Amino acid sequence: MLNDKLKDFNIILASASPRRHAFLKAMHLDFDIQLKPVEEIYPEDLKREEITDYLAKLKATPFTENIQHKNILITSDTIVWLDHKAIGKPKDEDDAFSMIKSLSNKTHEVVTSICFTLKTEQHLVNTTTKVTFKALTDEEIWHYVKTYKPLDKAGAYGIQEWIGAIGITSIEGSYNNVVGLPTHLLYETLNTIVKGF
């Protein structure tokens, strides 16, 4: 399958996310993890996928000079979009509580972009998933924040955790996108890249 087609390529995943690592392993992809810090600042006029597109490409910039032939660098960015603004990762537990409280009894969008950078070309894809929460009580929100410490997650929640099991009433789009990576897009785009060689 795809891993056989990629045997002559070197996949580099520029992400510290354990969820993204697990997805690539589950897809039987061989990859290296490389991390280079980037200040994730974007122009204020950007919206939804414009933000994640910009940041996914930005995260590739520290690597571009050293990308070798048949290297595929994968960078990605995810935001939660609610009421015409982006919600990133919480600063602390109080911020996490406020974020989840703002999602309670509403539908929000989870937007992810993936950037594939090669020596001579770049591919950028994105997708959006709609997620609806029931009306959450303060007690439920604090229980989740204190127990699961979701400070490394956009929107301050993990759909695969307790809060998703008890709080999410509907989802429209890719579930894996909400967990951390739209794996169907990753698979499709890697297949396209391999065919191009």
Protein backbone atom coordinates (compact mmCIF):
# COMPACT_ATOMS: atom_id res chain seq x y z
CA MET A 1 0.00 0.00 0.00
CA LEU A 2 1.07 3.62 0.55
CA ASN A 3 4.05 2.71 2.75
CA ASP A 4 5.46 0.55 -0.07
CA LYS A 5 5.13 3.45 -2.50
CA LEU A 6 6.93 5.70 -0.02
CA LYS A 7 9.88 3.38 0.66
CA ASP A 8 12.27 5.63 -1.30
CA PHE A 9 11.02 8.77 0.45
CA ASN A 10 11.90 10.21 3.84
CA ILE A 11 8.85 11.56 5.68
CA ILE A 12 9.59 14.22 8.28
CA LEU A 13 6.80 15.12 10.68
CA ALA A 14 7.35 18.52 12.30
CA SER A 15 4.95 18.08 15.20
CA ALA A 16 5.24 17.32 18.90
CA SER A 17 1.63 16.12 19.05
CA PRO A 18 1.37 12.53 20.33
CA ARG A 19 -1.99 12.25 18.57
CA ARG A 20 -0.42 13.06 15.19
CA HIS A 21 2.42 10.60 15.85
CA ALA A 22 -0.13 7.89 16.66
CA PHE A 23 -2.11 8.54 13.48
CA LEU A 24 0.94 8.14 11.22
CA LYS A 25 1.91 4.95 13.06
CA ALA A 26 -1.64 3.62 12.67
CA MET A 27 -1.35 4.28 8.92
CA HIS A 28 1.89 2.20 8.90
CA LEU A 29 3.95 5.16 7.70
CA ASP A 30 7.66 5.36 8.48
CA PHE A 31 8.59 8.85 9.60
CA ASP A 32 11.10 10.92 11.53
CA ILE A 33 10.11 13.62 14.00
CA GLN A 34 11.95 16.92 13.75
CA LEU A 35 11.01 20.03 15.69
CA LYS A 36 12.05 23.61 15.02
CA PRO A 37 10.37 26.45 16.93
CA VAL A 38 8.30 29.01 15.04
CA GLU A 39 6.52 32.04 16.45
CA GLU A 40 2.93 31.31 15.45
CA ILE A 41 1.76 34.82 14.60
CA TYR A 42 -0.54 35.48 11.67
CA PRO A 43 -2.04 38.63 10.07
CA GLU A 44 -5.19 39.72 11.92
CA ASP A 45 -7.32 39.92 8.78
CA LEU A 46 -7.07 36.17 8.11
CA LYS A 47 -10.08 33.94 8.76
CA ARG A 48 -10.72 30.21 9.28
CA GLU A 49 -8.62 28.11 6.85
CA GLU A 50 -6.64 31.21 5.84
CA ILE A 51 -5.17 31.13 9.36
CA THR A 52 -4.34 27.42 9.38
CA ASP A 53 -2.99 27.55 5.80
CA TYR A 54 -0.71 30.43 6.77
CA LEU A 55 0.54 28.77 9.95
CA ALA A 56 1.05 25.32 8.38
CA LYS A 57 3.24 26.94 5.71
CA LEU A 58 4.98 29.11 8.30
CA LYS A 59 5.94 26.02 10.33
CA ALA A 60 7.77 24.66 7.25
CA THR A 61 9.99 27.72 6.77
CA PRO A 62 12.79 26.76 9.21
CA PHE A 63 13.28 23.50 7.30
CA THR A 64 13.17 24.64 3.68
CA GLU A 65 16.89 25.28 3.12
CA ASN A 66 17.83 21.76 4.20
CA ILE A 67 15.16 19.67 2.48
CA GLN A 68 16.77 16.97 0.39
CA HIS A 69 15.52 15.22 -2.75
CA LYS A 70 12.67 12.82 -1.86
CA ASN A 71 12.17 14.36 1.57
CA ILE A 72 8.52 15.09 2.41
CA LEU A 73 8.13 17.52 5.29
CA ILE A 74 4.68 17.50 6.91
CA THR A 75 3.55 20.49 8.95
CA SER A 76 0.03 21.23 10.12
CA ASP A 77 -2.05 23.60 12.16
CA THR A 78 -5.48 23.31 13.78
CA ILE A 79 -7.78 25.97 15.18
CA VAL A 80 -11.27 26.03 16.62
CA TRP A 81 -13.42 28.67 14.90
CA LEU A 82 -16.35 30.09 16.87
CA ASP A 83 -18.34 33.31 16.49
CA HIS A 84 -16.03 34.66 13.78
CA LYS A 85 -12.82 34.21 15.76
CA ALA A 86 -10.09 31.64 16.22
CA ILE A 87 -9.59 29.77 19.46
CA GLY A 88 -6.13 28.31 19.96
CA LYS A 89 -4.61 26.52 22.95
CA PRO A 90 -5.42 27.72 26.48
CA LYS A 91 -2.84 29.54 28.60
CA ASP A 92 -3.91 27.91 31.86
CA GLU A 93 -6.79 26.03 33.51
CA ASP A 94 -8.94 29.16 33.92
CA ASP A 95 -8.50 29.91 30.22
CA ALA A 96 -9.37 26.29 29.38
CA PHE A 97 -12.56 26.55 31.44
CA SER A 98 -13.54 29.77 29.63
CA MET A 99 -12.88 28.23 26.23
CA ILE A 100 -15.01 25.15 26.88
CA LYS A 101 -17.72 27.31 28.44
CA SER A 102 -17.83 29.34 25.19
CA LEU A 103 -18.32 26.11 23.19
CA SER A 104 -21.14 24.86 25.44
CA ASN A 105 -24.55 24.52 23.73
CA LYS A 106 -23.11 25.72 20.40
CA THR A 107 -21.72 24.44 17.12
CA HIS A 108 -18.11 25.30 16.32
CA GLU A 109 -15.73 24.41 13.50
CA VAL A 110 -12.41 22.61 13.77
CA VAL A 111 -10.18 23.71 10.89
CA THR A 112 -6.91 21.95 10.01
CA SER A 113 -4.40 22.61 7.25
CA ILE A 114 -1.60 20.25 6.26
CA CYS A 115 1.42 21.49 4.32
CA PHE A 116 3.63 19.04 2.42
CA THR A 117 6.99 20.58 1.55
CA LEU A 118 9.38 18.98 -0.92
CA LYS A 119 12.63 20.31 -2.35
CA THR A 120 10.96 21.88 -5.39
CA GLU A 121 7.26 22.06 -4.57
CA GLN A 122 4.69 22.50 -1.82
CA HIS A 123 1.18 21.09 -1.43
CA LEU A 124 -1.38 22.64 0.91
CA VAL A 125 -4.72 21.07 1.87
CA ASN A 126 -7.33 21.84 4.52
CA THR A 127 -10.63 20.60 5.87
CA THR A 128 -13.33 21.69 8.33
CA THR A 129 -15.40 19.64 10.77
CA LYS A 130 -18.50 20.95 12.56
CA VAL A 131 -18.87 19.90 16.20
CA THR A 132 -21.86 20.54 18.49
CA PHE A 133 -21.72 20.42 22.29
CA LYS A 134 -24.68 20.01 24.61
CA ALA A 135 -25.17 22.56 27.38
CA LEU A 136 -22.30 21.69 29.72
CA THR A 137 -22.47 22.43 33.45
CA ASP A 138 -19.65 24.27 35.20
CA GLU A 139 -19.10 21.15 37.29
CA GLU A 140 -18.63 19.02 34.14
CA ILE A 141 -16.23 21.53 32.60
CA TRP A 142 -14.10 21.82 35.76
CA HIS A 143 -14.03 18.05 36.18
CA TYR A 144 -12.69 17.69 32.65
CA VAL A 145 -10.13 20.51 32.93
CA LYS A 146 -8.78 19.31 36.30
CA THR A 147 -8.69 15.63 35.32
CA TYR A 148 -7.46 15.80 31.73
CA LYS A 149 -5.36 19.03 31.72
CA PRO A 150 -6.18 19.88 28.05
CA LEU A 151 -3.67 22.74 27.78
CA ASP A 152 -2.03 21.34 24.62
CA LYS A 153 -5.25 21.21 22.61
CA ALA A 154 -6.90 23.81 20.39
CA GLY A 155 -10.21 24.78 21.97
CA ALA A 156 -9.09 23.15 25.25
CA TYR A 157 -10.68 19.77 24.61
CA GLY A 158 -9.96 16.36 23.14
CA ILE A 159 -12.95 14.77 21.39
CA GLN A 160 -11.54 11.30 22.19
CA GLU A 161 -11.60 12.05 25.94
CA TRP A 162 -14.37 12.13 28.56
CA ILE A 163 -15.71 15.53 27.48
CA GLY A 164 -16.31 14.21 23.95
CA ALA A 165 -18.07 11.11 25.22
CA ILE A 166 -20.50 12.99 27.45
CA GLY A 167 -20.77 16.35 25.72
CA ILE A 168 -20.74 16.10 21.94
CA THR A 169 -24.17 15.68 20.38
CA SER A 170 -23.24 15.79 16.69
CA ILE A 171 -20.26 15.90 14.37
CA GLU A 172 -20.22 16.69 10.65
CA GLY A 173 -17.00 15.86 8.83
CA SER A 174 -13.78 14.08 9.75
CA TYR A 175 -13.60 12.79 13.34
CA ASN A 176 -9.82 12.34 13.05
CA ASN A 177 -9.53 16.01 12.13
CA VAL A 178 -10.97 16.92 15.52
CA VAL A 179 -8.59 14.50 17.26
CA GLY A 180 -5.65 16.19 15.56
CA LEU A 181 -5.15 15.33 11.89
CA PRO A 182 -7.45 14.72 8.87
CA THR A 183 -5.84 11.41 7.98
CA HIS A 184 -7.90 10.93 4.82
CA LEU A 185 -6.35 14.12 3.38
CA LEU A 186 -2.87 13.03 4.47
CA TYR A 187 -3.32 9.70 2.68
CA GLU A 188 -4.78 11.24 -0.51
CA THR A 189 -2.10 13.92 -0.78
CA LEU A 190 0.83 11.55 -0.17
CA ASN A 191 -0.56 9.28 -2.90
CA THR A 192 -0.77 12.27 -5.25
CA ILE A 193 2.81 13.31 -4.47
CA VAL A 194 4.18 9.81 -5.07
CA LYS A 195 2.37 9.59 -8.43
CA GLY A 196 4.00 12.86 -9.45
CA PHE A 197 7.51 11.39 -9.19
